[in-house]
Amino acid sequence: MLTAIIIAAALIVASVLVHYEALRLTSELIPRLLYRPQQRILMVIMTIMVVHIAVIGLFAFSYCVMSQLLGIGSMHGEFQGEALDYFYYSATTYTTLGIGDVYAQG
């Protein structure tokens, strides 16, 4: 239980740091670009989308490691144990959809 809490806390910190660094770098880069304001906003939005997908991948990787290597919990439902299944579960929980066809237990 303590291991899962430590991993969860580390993932939260990593998620915040990844978002922070991406937005910091974007804010430094955007003024240097010779784009119109609308294009700059689109660049920021696309950067945020890429960062969200990267964080979803980070969580998916951690779910895989916790269930496969560390034996912390397991995945059930419409779950085959492939990387895409972990990514799907991570995306549904990250976006708070929580569809329920794949769920963690333990």
N, C-alpha and C. Protein backbone atom coordinates (compact mmCIF):
# COMPACT_ATOMS: atom_id res chain seq x y z
N MET A 1 0.82 -1.20 0.00
CA MET A 1 0.00 0.00 0.00
C MET A 1 0.87 1.26 0.00
N LEU A 2 1.90 1.26 0.83
CA LEU A 2 2.79 2.41 0.91
C LEU A 2 3.51 2.62 -0.42
N THR A 3 3.90 1.52 -1.07
CA THR A 3 4.57 1.63 -2.37
C THR A 3 3.66 2.29 -3.39
N ALA A 4 2.39 1.91 -3.41
CA ALA A 4 1.43 2.49 -4.35
C ALA A 4 1.24 3.98 -4.08
N ILE A 5 1.21 4.37 -2.82
CA ILE A 5 1.05 5.78 -2.47
C ILE A 5 2.27 6.58 -2.90
N ILE A 6 3.45 6.03 -2.70
CA ILE A 6 4.68 6.71 -3.12
C ILE A 6 4.72 6.86 -4.63
N ILE A 7 4.36 5.80 -5.36
CA ILE A 7 4.34 5.87 -6.82
C ILE A 7 3.32 6.90 -7.29
N ALA A 8 2.14 6.93 -6.68
CA ALA A 8 1.11 7.90 -7.05
C ALA A 8 1.59 9.33 -6.81
N ALA A 9 2.24 9.56 -5.68
CA ALA A 9 2.76 10.90 -5.38
C ALA A 9 3.85 11.29 -6.38
N ALA A 10 4.71 10.35 -6.73
CA ALA A 10 5.76 10.63 -7.71
C ALA A 10 5.16 10.94 -9.07
N LEU A 11 4.10 10.24 -9.45
CA LEU A 11 3.44 10.51 -10.73
C LEU A 11 2.79 11.89 -10.75
N ILE A 12 2.22 12.28 -9.65
CA ILE A 12 1.61 13.62 -9.58
C ILE A 12 2.69 14.69 -9.73
N VAL A 13 3.78 14.52 -9.02
CA VAL A 13 4.89 15.49 -9.12
C VAL A 13 5.44 15.51 -10.54
N ALA A 14 5.63 14.34 -11.14
CA ALA A 14 6.14 14.27 -12.51
C ALA A 14 5.19 14.95 -13.48
N SER A 15 3.89 14.73 -13.30
CA SER A 15 2.89 15.34 -14.18
C SER A 15 2.94 16.87 -14.08
N VAL A 16 3.02 17.37 -12.88
CA VAL A 16 3.09 18.83 -12.68
C VAL A 16 4.36 19.38 -13.31
N LEU A 17 5.49 18.71 -13.10
CA LEU A 17 6.76 19.20 -13.65
C LEU A 17 6.78 19.16 -15.17
N VAL A 18 6.22 18.11 -15.77
CA VAL A 18 6.17 18.03 -17.23
C VAL A 18 5.30 19.16 -17.79
N HIS A 19 4.14 19.39 -17.18
CA HIS A 19 3.29 20.49 -17.64
C HIS A 19 3.98 21.84 -17.46
N TYR A 20 4.60 22.03 -16.32
CA TYR A 20 5.27 23.29 -16.04
C TYR A 20 6.37 23.57 -17.07
N GLU A 21 7.24 22.58 -17.28
CA GLU A 21 8.36 22.78 -18.20
C GLU A 21 7.88 23.01 -19.64
N ALA A 22 6.88 22.27 -20.06
CA ALA A 22 6.36 22.45 -21.42
C ALA A 22 5.78 23.84 -21.60
N LEU A 23 5.02 24.29 -20.63
CA LEU A 23 4.43 25.63 -20.74
C LEU A 23 5.49 26.73 -20.61
N ARG A 24 6.49 26.49 -19.77
CA ARG A 24 7.57 27.48 -19.64
C ARG A 24 8.35 27.60 -20.94
N LEU A 25 8.70 26.46 -21.53
CA LEU A 25 9.43 26.50 -22.79
C LEU A 25 8.59 27.10 -23.91
N THR A 26 7.32 26.79 -23.92
CA THR A 26 6.43 27.36 -24.93
C THR A 26 6.32 28.86 -24.77
N SER A 27 6.21 29.33 -23.54
CA SER A 27 6.09 30.78 -23.32
C SER A 27 7.36 31.51 -23.71
N GLU A 28 8.51 30.83 -23.64
CA GLU A 28 9.76 31.45 -24.09
C GLU A 28 9.86 31.44 -25.62
N LEU A 29 9.34 30.40 -26.24
CA LEU A 29 9.47 30.25 -27.68
C LEU A 29 8.46 31.09 -28.46
N ILE A 30 7.26 31.19 -27.99
CA ILE A 30 6.17 31.84 -28.73
C ILE A 30 6.50 33.28 -29.14
N PRO A 31 7.04 34.13 -28.26
CA PRO A 31 7.31 35.51 -28.68
C PRO A 31 8.35 35.62 -29.81
N ARG A 32 9.19 34.62 -29.96
CA ARG A 32 10.23 34.65 -31.00
C ARG A 32 9.69 34.27 -32.37
N LEU A 33 8.55 33.62 -32.40
CA LEU A 33 7.99 33.17 -33.67
C LEU A 33 7.28 34.31 -34.38
N LEU A 34 7.38 34.28 -35.69
CA LEU A 34 6.75 35.33 -36.49
C LEU A 34 5.38 34.88 -36.98
N TYR A 35 4.56 34.45 -36.03
CA TYR A 35 3.21 34.01 -36.34
C TYR A 35 2.20 35.04 -35.86
N ARG A 36 1.02 34.96 -36.44
CA ARG A 36 -0.08 35.81 -35.97
C ARG A 36 -0.54 35.32 -34.60
N PRO A 37 -1.23 36.18 -33.85
CA PRO A 37 -1.69 35.77 -32.50
C PRO A 37 -2.54 34.50 -32.51
N GLN A 38 -3.40 34.33 -33.51
CA GLN A 38 -4.23 33.13 -33.57
C GLN A 38 -3.37 31.88 -33.72
N GLN A 39 -2.33 31.96 -34.51
CA GLN A 39 -1.44 30.82 -34.71
C GLN A 39 -0.64 30.53 -33.44
N ARG A 40 -0.29 31.55 -32.71
CA ARG A 40 0.42 31.36 -31.45
C ARG A 40 -0.46 30.62 -30.44
N ILE A 41 -1.72 31.00 -30.38
CA ILE A 41 -2.65 30.32 -29.47
C ILE A 41 -2.78 28.85 -29.87
N LEU A 42 -2.87 28.58 -31.15
CA LEU A 42 -2.95 27.19 -31.61
C LEU A 42 -1.69 26.41 -31.24
N MET A 43 -0.54 27.06 -31.30
CA MET A 43 0.71 26.40 -30.90
C MET A 43 0.66 26.02 -29.42
N VAL A 44 0.16 26.90 -28.58
CA VAL A 44 0.06 26.62 -27.15
C VAL A 44 -0.91 25.47 -26.92
N ILE A 45 -2.05 25.49 -27.59
CA ILE A 45 -3.05 24.43 -27.43
C ILE A 45 -2.48 23.09 -27.88
N MET A 46 -1.78 23.07 -28.99
CA MET A 46 -1.19 21.82 -29.48
C MET A 46 -0.11 21.31 -28.52
N THR A 47 0.67 22.22 -27.97
CA THR A 47 1.68 21.83 -26.99
C THR A 47 1.03 21.18 -25.77
N ILE A 48 -0.05 21.79 -25.29
CA ILE A 48 -0.75 21.23 -24.13
C ILE A 48 -1.31 19.85 -24.46
N MET A 49 -1.87 19.68 -25.65
CA MET A 49 -2.42 18.37 -26.05
C MET A 49 -1.31 17.32 -26.08
N VAL A 50 -0.15 17.65 -26.64
CA VAL A 50 0.97 16.71 -26.70
C VAL A 50 1.43 16.35 -25.28
N VAL A 51 1.48 17.34 -24.41
CA VAL A 51 1.90 17.08 -23.03
C VAL A 51 0.89 16.18 -22.32
N HIS A 52 -0.40 16.41 -22.53
CA HIS A 52 -1.41 15.54 -21.93
C HIS A 52 -1.25 14.10 -22.40
N ILE A 53 -1.00 13.91 -23.68
CA ILE A 53 -0.81 12.56 -24.21
C ILE A 53 0.44 11.92 -23.61
N ALA A 54 1.50 12.72 -23.45
CA ALA A 54 2.72 12.19 -22.83
C ALA A 54 2.46 11.79 -21.38
N VAL A 55 1.71 12.58 -20.64
CA VAL A 55 1.42 12.25 -19.24
C VAL A 55 0.52 11.01 -19.17
N ILE A 56 -0.43 10.89 -20.08
CA ILE A 56 -1.26 9.68 -20.14
C ILE A 56 -0.36 8.47 -20.37
N GLY A 57 0.62 8.59 -21.25
CA GLY A 57 1.57 7.51 -21.49
C GLY A 57 2.40 7.19 -20.26
N LEU A 58 2.79 8.21 -19.51
CA LEU A 58 3.55 8.01 -18.27
C LEU A 58 2.72 7.23 -17.26
N PHE A 59 1.45 7.60 -17.11
CA PHE A 59 0.57 6.87 -16.20
C PHE A 59 0.35 5.45 -16.70
N ALA A 60 0.17 5.27 -18.01
CA ALA A 60 -0.03 3.92 -18.56
C ALA A 60 1.19 3.04 -18.27
N PHE A 61 2.37 3.61 -18.45
CA PHE A 61 3.60 2.87 -18.17
C PHE A 61 3.65 2.47 -16.69
N SER A 62 3.27 3.39 -15.82
CA SER A 62 3.33 3.09 -14.38
C SER A 62 2.29 2.03 -14.02
N TYR A 63 1.10 2.06 -14.63
CA TYR A 63 0.10 1.02 -14.37
C TYR A 63 0.65 -0.35 -14.79
N CYS A 64 1.31 -0.38 -15.92
CA CYS A 64 1.89 -1.64 -16.41
C CYS A 64 2.96 -2.14 -15.45
N VAL A 65 3.85 -1.27 -15.03
CA VAL A 65 4.93 -1.66 -14.12
C VAL A 65 4.36 -2.12 -12.78
N MET A 66 3.37 -1.38 -12.28
CA MET A 66 2.81 -1.75 -10.97
C MET A 66 2.11 -3.10 -11.02
N SER A 67 1.37 -3.37 -12.08
CA SER A 67 0.63 -4.64 -12.12
C SER A 67 1.49 -5.80 -12.60
N GLN A 68 2.36 -5.58 -13.57
CA GLN A 68 3.14 -6.67 -14.15
C GLN A 68 4.40 -6.99 -13.34
N LEU A 69 5.13 -5.97 -12.94
CA LEU A 69 6.42 -6.20 -12.28
C LEU A 69 6.35 -6.17 -10.76
N LEU A 70 5.58 -5.24 -10.21
CA LEU A 70 5.54 -5.08 -8.76
C LEU A 70 4.41 -5.86 -8.10
N GLY A 71 3.47 -6.32 -8.90
CA GLY A 71 2.36 -7.08 -8.35
C GLY A 71 1.40 -6.26 -7.51
N ILE A 72 1.34 -4.96 -7.80
CA ILE A 72 0.42 -4.06 -7.09
C ILE A 72 -0.86 -3.95 -7.91
N GLY A 73 -1.90 -4.63 -7.49
CA GLY A 73 -3.17 -4.56 -8.19
C GLY A 73 -3.15 -5.35 -9.49
N SER A 74 -4.30 -5.34 -10.15
CA SER A 74 -4.43 -6.01 -11.43
C SER A 74 -5.52 -5.34 -12.24
N MET A 75 -5.51 -5.60 -13.54
CA MET A 75 -6.49 -5.00 -14.45
C MET A 75 -7.50 -6.08 -14.85
N HIS A 76 -8.76 -5.67 -14.97
CA HIS A 76 -9.83 -6.62 -15.30
C HIS A 76 -10.77 -6.00 -16.33
N GLY A 77 -11.72 -6.80 -16.77
CA GLY A 77 -12.70 -6.35 -17.75
C GLY A 77 -12.24 -6.68 -19.15
N GLU A 78 -12.54 -5.81 -20.08
CA GLU A 78 -12.13 -5.99 -21.48
C GLU A 78 -10.65 -5.63 -21.61
N PHE A 79 -9.82 -6.47 -21.07
CA PHE A 79 -8.40 -6.17 -20.94
C PHE A 79 -7.59 -7.37 -21.41
N GLN A 80 -6.69 -7.12 -22.36
CA GLN A 80 -5.85 -8.18 -22.92
C GLN A 80 -4.41 -8.15 -22.40
N GLY A 81 -4.05 -7.09 -21.69
CA GLY A 81 -2.70 -6.99 -21.14
C GLY A 81 -1.69 -6.36 -22.09
N GLU A 82 -2.16 -5.76 -23.16
CA GLU A 82 -1.27 -5.11 -24.13
C GLU A 82 -1.04 -3.65 -23.72
N ALA A 83 -0.01 -3.07 -24.28
CA ALA A 83 0.33 -1.68 -23.96
C ALA A 83 -0.82 -0.74 -24.28
N LEU A 84 -1.51 -0.98 -25.37
CA LEU A 84 -2.64 -0.12 -25.75
C LEU A 84 -3.77 -0.20 -24.73
N ASP A 85 -3.95 -1.35 -24.10
CA ASP A 85 -4.96 -1.48 -23.05
C ASP A 85 -4.63 -0.60 -21.85
N TYR A 86 -3.37 -0.57 -21.47
CA TYR A 86 -2.95 0.29 -20.37
C TYR A 86 -3.13 1.76 -20.76
N PHE A 87 -2.79 2.09 -22.00
CA PHE A 87 -2.96 3.47 -22.47
C PHE A 87 -4.43 3.85 -22.48
N TYR A 88 -5.29 2.94 -22.93
CA TYR A 88 -6.73 3.19 -22.96
C TYR A 88 -7.26 3.44 -21.55
N TYR A 89 -6.88 2.58 -20.61
CA TYR A 89 -7.32 2.75 -19.22
C TYR A 89 -6.81 4.08 -18.67
N SER A 90 -5.56 4.38 -18.95
CA SER A 90 -4.97 5.63 -18.47
C SER A 90 -5.71 6.84 -19.04
N ALA A 91 -6.05 6.79 -20.32
CA ALA A 91 -6.76 7.90 -20.96
C ALA A 91 -8.16 8.07 -20.39
N THR A 92 -8.85 6.96 -20.13
CA THR A 92 -10.21 7.09 -19.60
C THR A 92 -10.21 7.60 -18.16
N THR A 93 -9.21 7.24 -17.38
CA THR A 93 -9.16 7.75 -16.02
C THR A 93 -8.62 9.17 -15.99
N TYR A 94 -7.65 9.48 -16.84
CA TYR A 94 -7.07 10.83 -16.88
C TYR A 94 -8.11 11.85 -17.30
N THR A 95 -8.95 11.48 -18.25
CA THR A 95 -9.97 12.41 -18.74
C THR A 95 -11.24 12.33 -17.91
N THR A 96 -11.27 11.53 -16.89
CA THR A 96 -12.39 11.30 -15.98
C THR A 96 -13.62 10.73 -16.66
N LEU A 97 -13.43 10.09 -17.80
CA LEU A 97 -14.56 9.40 -18.44
C LEU A 97 -14.94 8.17 -17.64
N GLY A 98 -13.94 7.39 -17.24
CA GLY A 98 -14.17 6.21 -16.41
C GLY A 98 -15.24 5.30 -16.97
N ILE A 99 -15.10 4.88 -18.20
CA ILE A 99 -16.12 4.11 -18.88
C ILE A 99 -16.48 2.83 -18.13
N GLY A 100 -15.51 2.10 -17.62
CA GLY A 100 -15.78 0.95 -16.80
C GLY A 100 -15.58 -0.38 -17.48
N ASP A 101 -15.27 -0.40 -18.77
CA ASP A 101 -15.03 -1.68 -19.44
C ASP A 101 -13.67 -2.25 -19.08
N VAL A 102 -12.74 -1.40 -18.64
CA VAL A 102 -11.46 -1.83 -18.09
C VAL A 102 -11.36 -1.16 -16.72
N TYR A 103 -11.01 -1.95 -15.72
CA TYR A 103 -10.93 -1.37 -14.37
C TYR A 103 -9.80 -2.03 -13.59
N ALA A 104 -9.26 -1.26 -12.66
CA ALA A 104 -8.18 -1.76 -11.80
C ALA A 104 -8.78 -2.31 -10.52
N GLN A 105 -8.10 -3.30 -9.98
CA GLN A 105 -8.55 -3.89 -8.73
C GLN A 105 -7.34 -4.15 -7.87
N GLY A 106 -7.46 -3.78 -6.62
CA GLY A 106 -6.36 -4.01 -5.68
C GLY A 106 -5.42 -2.85 -5.57
